[in-house]
Amino acid sequence: MPADYKPFDKQEWLRLEKKANDLRHLTVKTVAWGGSGHIGGGMSALDALTILYHRFMKLDPNDPDWPDRDRFVLSKGHAAIAYAPVLVDFGYMPEEELHIFNLTGAKIGMHLDCNKVRGCDVSTGSLGHGLSLAVGMALAGQQNKKDYMVYCMTGDGELNEGSNWEAAMSAAQFKLSNIVVLVDNNKLMIDGKVKDEMNIEPVDDKFKAFGFDVLRIDGHNMKELNDAIEKAIANHKNGGTKPTAIIMDTIKGEGIDFIAGDYTWHYGSFSDEMFEKAHASLDEYYQKRVARAEKEG
């Protein structure tokens, strides 16, 4: 964990809520700057991205290739519309790169290229291969006696791809307790509801059957995210032999009322009016999140 790791108290909860809110607004701006983006799955992933980068992961934006850093693989690579703002905000690249998101000459495209985007460990976009790459990273860490964690975010729709399950089987076979799979389980994919297209539930039982320790949580609750990730890290630090899967029940488009839960917003663009409504909705959503942290923290 980072050297400045602190107990998860109310102050820390509120700090993370503020950062997540800032990143949600920056993501909406990035959609506008680029003209379009995979906004639905980006918004469902942002809380997990926020707590990983701003609480748990050992990283140095001045040294993106630091050998002892934690690794992150965005297997659901289309959520780069949210991941790119996280990297920029963290200090890997200037915000001006987001102003030309996916436009001619841009370093940051719709799916991130690790050869162009500082802080990005793996190029992803073709669904189903990210977990295999993450397993390779975790196995390398195990063999080289490096004490880094590997976090891989996949989506419930992406888990239709069989290669994910070959990778999961390998993670358990090689006792990779240093890998954490975060499933952005927002129930929707590009064509509709996951249960109608290719049902994967009960996804928690599937990962258990493949040899994982499994936690199922509200993926939009910072306290539940914190506790689950802490357990996954403790499992590794205390000599555990199982990889961890965190099933995050989320909502596609979370925070923006007119797109939340609507599969047709897998990808889209904002008119000027929609842009303003999106920011207003996020402001209202943030107040609700703050109220929960104040009450429960």
Protein backbone atom coordinates (compact mmCIF):
# COMPACT_ATOMS: atom_id res chain seq x y z
CA MET A 1 0.00 0.00 0.00
CA PRO A 2 1.15 3.60 -0.44
CA ALA A 3 3.32 5.06 2.30
CA ASP A 4 0.59 7.57 3.19
CA TYR A 5 -2.09 4.88 3.53
CA LYS A 6 -4.56 5.94 6.22
CA PRO A 7 -7.44 4.32 8.08
CA PHE A 8 -10.74 4.48 6.23
CA ASP A 9 -12.50 7.06 8.38
CA LYS A 10 -15.11 9.66 7.47
CA GLN A 11 -12.48 12.14 6.32
CA GLU A 12 -10.95 9.57 3.97
CA TRP A 13 -14.38 8.56 2.66
CA LEU A 14 -15.24 12.17 1.89
CA ARG A 15 -11.87 12.72 0.24
CA LEU A 16 -12.48 9.81 -2.11
CA GLU A 17 -16.02 10.99 -2.86
CA LYS A 18 -14.67 14.40 -3.83
CA LYS A 19 -12.05 12.85 -6.11
CA ALA A 20 -14.59 10.53 -7.74
CA ASN A 21 -16.89 13.48 -8.36
CA ASP A 22 -14.08 15.48 -9.95
CA LEU A 23 -13.25 12.52 -12.20
CA ARG A 24 -16.88 12.02 -13.22
CA HIS A 25 -17.08 15.65 -14.32
CA LEU A 26 -13.75 15.36 -16.15
CA THR A 27 -15.03 12.25 -17.93
CA VAL A 28 -18.11 14.11 -19.17
CA LYS A 29 -15.85 16.89 -20.44
CA THR A 30 -13.69 14.32 -22.23
CA VAL A 31 -16.75 12.94 -24.01
CA ALA A 32 -17.53 16.47 -25.19
CA TRP A 33 -13.94 17.22 -26.23
CA GLY A 34 -13.67 13.99 -28.18
CA GLY A 35 -17.16 14.20 -29.62
CA SER A 36 -18.26 10.84 -28.19
CA GLY A 37 -17.26 7.98 -25.94
CA HIS A 38 -18.28 4.85 -24.04
CA ILE A 39 -19.82 6.89 -21.26
CA GLY A 40 -22.10 4.21 -19.76
CA GLY A 41 -19.43 1.69 -18.80
CA GLY A 42 -17.01 4.46 -17.92
CA MET A 43 -19.30 5.85 -15.26
CA SER A 44 -20.00 2.44 -13.74
CA ALA A 45 -16.25 1.85 -13.36
CA LEU A 46 -15.18 5.20 -11.91
CA ASP A 47 -15.64 4.53 -8.21
CA ALA A 48 -13.36 1.49 -8.36
CA LEU A 49 -10.82 3.37 -10.47
CA THR A 50 -10.83 6.23 -7.98
CA ILE A 51 -10.20 4.14 -4.88
CA LEU A 52 -7.52 2.04 -6.58
CA TYR A 53 -5.52 5.02 -7.80
CA HIS A 54 -6.09 7.34 -4.86
CA ARG A 55 -5.90 4.94 -1.94
CA PHE A 56 -4.38 1.57 -2.69
CA MET A 57 -2.02 1.36 -5.64
CA LYS A 58 1.72 1.92 -5.27
CA LEU A 59 2.57 4.21 -8.18
CA ASP A 60 4.92 7.02 -9.15
CA PRO A 61 3.70 9.28 -11.99
CA ASN A 62 7.28 10.48 -12.44
CA ASP A 63 8.45 6.92 -13.00
CA PRO A 64 5.67 5.00 -14.80
CA ASP A 65 7.97 1.99 -15.35
CA TRP A 66 8.96 1.65 -11.69
CA PRO A 67 9.56 -2.13 -11.35
CA ASP A 68 7.90 -2.39 -7.93
CA ARG A 69 4.73 -0.51 -8.87
CA ASP A 70 1.32 -2.13 -8.70
CA ARG A 71 -0.16 -2.97 -12.10
CA PHE A 72 -3.61 -2.21 -13.48
CA VAL A 73 -5.22 -3.77 -16.54
CA LEU A 74 -8.42 -2.28 -17.92
CA SER A 75 -9.64 -5.40 -19.70
CA LYS A 76 -12.92 -3.67 -20.57
CA GLY A 77 -10.80 -1.31 -22.62
CA HIS A 78 -13.66 0.80 -23.99
CA ALA A 79 -13.98 2.35 -20.52
CA ALA A 80 -10.86 4.33 -21.39
CA ILE A 81 -13.14 7.37 -21.59
CA ALA A 82 -13.02 7.24 -17.75
CA TYR A 83 -9.59 5.65 -17.31
CA ALA A 84 -7.76 8.31 -19.36
CA PRO A 85 -9.03 11.13 -17.09
CA VAL A 86 -7.84 9.11 -14.07
CA LEU A 87 -4.32 8.84 -15.53
CA VAL A 88 -4.24 12.50 -16.52
CA ASP A 89 -5.51 13.66 -13.14
CA PHE A 90 -2.95 11.44 -11.40
CA GLY A 91 -0.17 13.31 -13.18
CA TYR A 92 0.98 10.99 -15.94
CA MET A 93 0.01 13.35 -18.79
CA PRO A 94 -1.21 16.96 -19.13
CA GLU A 95 -4.95 17.65 -19.32
CA GLU A 96 -4.46 19.13 -22.78
CA GLU A 97 -4.18 15.55 -24.07
CA LEU A 98 -7.82 15.01 -23.10
CA HIS A 99 -8.86 18.08 -25.10
CA ILE A 100 -8.06 16.18 -28.30
CA PHE A 101 -9.26 12.78 -27.04
CA ASN A 102 -9.48 10.33 -29.97
CA LEU A 103 -8.91 13.09 -32.52
CA THR A 104 -6.26 13.15 -35.22
CA GLY A 105 -2.80 13.34 -33.70
CA ALA A 106 -3.98 12.48 -30.18
CA LYS A 107 -1.92 10.19 -27.95
CA ILE A 108 -5.07 9.16 -26.07
CA GLY A 109 -7.53 7.25 -28.23
CA MET A 110 -10.80 5.42 -27.68
CA HIS A 111 -8.78 2.38 -26.55
CA LEU A 112 -5.52 3.20 -24.83
CA ASP A 113 -2.17 2.38 -26.42
CA CYS A 114 0.42 1.70 -23.71
CA ASN A 115 3.16 2.82 -26.10
CA LYS A 116 1.65 6.32 -26.20
CA VAL A 117 -0.16 6.78 -22.89
CA ARG A 118 2.07 7.18 -19.82
CA GLY A 119 0.89 5.13 -16.88
CA CYS A 120 -1.03 2.64 -18.99
CA ASP A 121 0.45 -0.84 -18.46
CA VAL A 122 -1.40 -2.67 -21.23
CA SER A 123 -3.09 -1.84 -24.53
CA THR A 124 -6.64 -3.18 -24.43
CA GLY A 125 -9.82 -2.93 -26.44
CA SER A 126 -10.32 -6.38 -27.91
CA LEU A 127 -12.46 -7.89 -25.18
CA GLY A 128 -11.35 -10.99 -23.32
CA HIS A 129 -7.56 -10.76 -23.31
CA GLY A 130 -6.88 -8.42 -20.39
CA LEU A 131 -7.17 -11.05 -17.68
CA SER A 132 -4.67 -13.31 -19.45
CA LEU A 133 -2.18 -10.43 -19.53
CA ALA A 134 -2.84 -9.68 -15.87
CA VAL A 135 -2.20 -13.32 -14.96
CA GLY A 136 1.12 -13.11 -16.79
CA MET A 137 2.07 -10.00 -14.83
CA ALA A 138 1.09 -11.62 -11.54
CA LEU A 139 3.00 -14.80 -12.36
CA ALA A 140 6.08 -12.74 -13.26
CA GLY A 141 5.82 -10.97 -9.92
CA GLN A 142 5.57 -14.29 -8.11
CA GLN A 143 8.54 -15.77 -9.95
CA ASN A 144 10.69 -12.66 -9.54
CA LYS A 145 9.72 -12.32 -5.86
CA LYS A 146 8.24 -8.86 -6.42
CA ASP A 147 5.61 -7.79 -3.92
CA TYR A 148 3.34 -5.89 -6.26
CA MET A 149 -0.40 -6.37 -6.76
CA VAL A 150 -2.09 -6.74 -10.14
CA TYR A 151 -5.62 -5.38 -10.50
CA CYS A 152 -7.68 -6.32 -13.55
CA MET A 153 -11.04 -4.75 -14.27
CA THR A 154 -13.36 -6.71 -16.51
CA GLY A 155 -17.05 -6.35 -17.30
CA ASP A 156 -19.95 -8.74 -17.01
CA GLY A 157 -20.59 -8.56 -20.76
CA GLU A 158 -16.90 -9.15 -21.41
CA LEU A 159 -17.03 -12.35 -19.36
CA ASN A 160 -18.95 -13.90 -22.26
CA GLU A 161 -15.49 -14.35 -23.78
CA GLY A 162 -14.15 -17.81 -22.96
CA SER A 163 -10.54 -16.70 -22.75
CA ASN A 164 -11.36 -15.02 -19.42
CA TRP A 165 -12.12 -18.39 -17.87
CA GLU A 166 -8.92 -19.97 -19.17
CA ALA A 167 -7.06 -17.11 -17.48
CA ALA A 168 -9.07 -17.53 -14.27
CA MET A 169 -8.23 -21.22 -14.22
CA SER A 170 -4.53 -20.36 -14.62
CA ALA A 171 -4.62 -17.77 -11.82
CA ALA A 172 -5.90 -20.39 -9.42
CA GLN A 173 -3.56 -23.11 -10.69
CA PHE A 174 -0.50 -20.93 -10.06
CA LYS A 175 -1.82 -19.71 -6.68
CA LEU A 176 -1.67 -16.05 -7.71
CA SER A 177 -2.88 -14.34 -4.56
CA ASN A 178 -1.35 -11.13 -5.93
CA ILE A 179 -4.09 -10.74 -8.55
CA VAL A 180 -7.45 -9.08 -7.92
CA VAL A 181 -10.17 -9.28 -10.56
CA LEU A 182 -12.76 -6.51 -10.31
CA VAL A 183 -15.93 -7.30 -12.26
CA ASP A 184 -17.88 -4.19 -13.27
CA ASN A 185 -21.20 -6.00 -13.07
CA ASN A 186 -23.51 -3.32 -14.48
CA LYS A 187 -25.92 -5.89 -16.02
CA LEU A 188 -25.85 -4.27 -19.47
CA MET A 189 -23.85 -4.65 -22.66
CA ILE A 190 -23.93 -3.04 -26.09
CA ASP A 191 -26.93 -5.09 -27.29
CA GLY A 192 -29.08 -5.08 -24.16
CA LYS A 193 -29.26 -6.85 -20.81
CA VAL A 194 -26.47 -9.35 -20.18
CA LYS A 195 -28.99 -11.90 -18.88
CA ASP A 196 -30.82 -11.77 -22.20
CA GLU A 197 -27.76 -11.82 -24.46
CA MET A 198 -25.58 -14.38 -22.62
CA ASN A 199 -26.33 -14.76 -18.94
CA ILE A 200 -23.29 -15.16 -16.66
CA GLU A 201 -25.03 -15.24 -13.30
CA PRO A 202 -24.35 -16.45 -10.71
CA VAL A 203 -20.97 -14.92 -11.57
CA ASP A 204 -19.76 -15.07 -7.98
CA ASP A 205 -20.31 -18.83 -7.86
CA LYS A 206 -18.50 -19.22 -11.17
CA PHE A 207 -15.36 -17.54 -9.83
CA LYS A 208 -15.58 -19.64 -6.66
CA ALA A 209 -15.75 -22.78 -8.80
CA PHE A 210 -12.60 -21.62 -10.59
CA GLY A 211 -10.73 -21.42 -7.29
CA PHE A 212 -11.08 -17.75 -6.31
CA ASP A 213 -11.87 -16.09 -3.03
CA VAL A 214 -14.95 -14.06 -3.95
CA LEU A 215 -16.50 -10.91 -2.50
CA ARG A 216 -19.72 -9.38 -3.83
CA ILE A 217 -20.33 -5.72 -3.08
CA ASP A 218 -22.08 -2.50 -4.06
CA GLY A 219 -19.58 -1.09 -6.56
CA HIS A 220 -20.75 2.46 -5.86
CA ASN A 221 -20.13 2.32 -2.11
CA MET A 222 -16.62 3.46 -1.19
CA LYS A 223 -16.73 1.70 2.19
CA GLU A 224 -17.59 -1.65 0.61
CA LEU A 225 -14.97 -1.15 -2.09
CA ASN A 226 -12.37 -0.32 0.55
CA ASP A 227 -13.15 -3.32 2.73
CA ALA A 228 -13.10 -5.73 -0.21
CA ILE A 229 -9.77 -4.49 -1.57
CA GLU A 230 -8.25 -4.50 1.92
CA LYS A 231 -9.29 -8.15 2.30
CA ALA A 232 -7.77 -9.03 -1.06
CA ILE A 233 -4.44 -7.39 -0.14
CA ALA A 234 -4.45 -8.99 3.31
CA ASN A 235 -5.04 -12.38 1.69
CA HIS A 236 -1.84 -11.94 -0.30
CA LYS A 237 0.24 -10.37 2.47
CA ASN A 238 -0.73 -13.13 4.90
CA GLY A 239 0.36 -15.95 2.63
CA GLY A 240 -2.94 -16.78 0.96
CA THR A 241 -2.85 -18.99 -2.11
CA LYS A 242 -6.04 -17.96 -3.90
CA PRO A 243 -6.63 -15.07 -6.31
CA THR A 244 -9.48 -12.73 -5.40
CA ALA A 245 -12.51 -11.73 -7.45
CA ILE A 246 -14.57 -8.72 -6.37
CA ILE A 247 -17.99 -8.72 -8.02
CA MET A 248 -19.03 -5.06 -8.07
CA ASP A 249 -22.76 -4.64 -8.63
CA THR A 250 -22.92 -1.33 -10.48
CA ILE A 251 -25.21 0.77 -12.67
CA LYS A 252 -24.29 1.67 -16.22
CA GLY A 253 -24.13 5.45 -16.52
CA GLU A 254 -24.27 5.89 -12.74
CA GLY A 255 -24.49 9.53 -11.65
CA ILE A 256 -26.10 10.90 -14.81
CA ASP A 257 -29.83 10.49 -14.39
CA PHE A 258 -30.86 10.47 -18.05
CA ILE A 259 -28.45 7.71 -19.04
CA ALA A 260 -28.24 5.56 -15.89
CA GLY A 261 -29.41 2.01 -16.49
CA ASP A 262 -29.92 2.54 -20.24
CA TYR A 263 -27.95 0.16 -22.46
CA THR A 264 -28.32 2.48 -25.46
CA TRP A 265 -25.81 4.75 -23.69
CA HIS A 266 -23.07 2.15 -24.02
CA TYR A 267 -21.61 4.70 -26.42
CA GLY A 268 -22.85 8.18 -27.18
CA SER A 269 -22.31 11.90 -27.47
CA PHE A 270 -23.74 14.96 -25.74
CA SER A 271 -25.54 17.91 -27.24
CA ASP A 272 -24.84 21.22 -25.49
CA GLU A 273 -28.06 20.80 -23.51
CA MET A 274 -27.20 17.22 -22.51
CA PHE A 275 -23.72 18.34 -21.48
CA GLU A 276 -25.14 20.87 -19.03
CA LYS A 277 -27.74 18.41 -17.74
CA ALA A 278 -25.05 15.80 -17.17
CA HIS A 279 -22.99 18.14 -15.00
CA ALA A 280 -26.07 19.23 -13.07
CA SER A 281 -27.05 15.63 -12.47
CA LEU A 282 -23.54 14.80 -11.23
CA ASP A 283 -23.68 17.72 -8.79
CA GLU A 284 -26.93 16.40 -7.34
CA TYR A 285 -25.57 12.86 -7.26
CA TYR A 286 -22.46 14.02 -5.40
CA GLN A 287 -24.55 15.59 -2.67
CA LYS A 288 -26.31 12.27 -2.11
CA ARG A 289 -22.99 10.49 -1.93
CA VAL A 290 -21.65 13.02 0.58
CA ALA A 291 -24.78 12.62 2.71
CA ARG A 292 -24.26 8.85 2.84
CA ALA A 293 -20.62 9.24 3.84
CA GLU A 294 -21.55 11.75 6.54
CA LYS A 295 -24.19 9.40 7.91
CA GLU A 296 -22.32 6.10 7.67
CA GLY A 297 -18.70 7.20 8.02
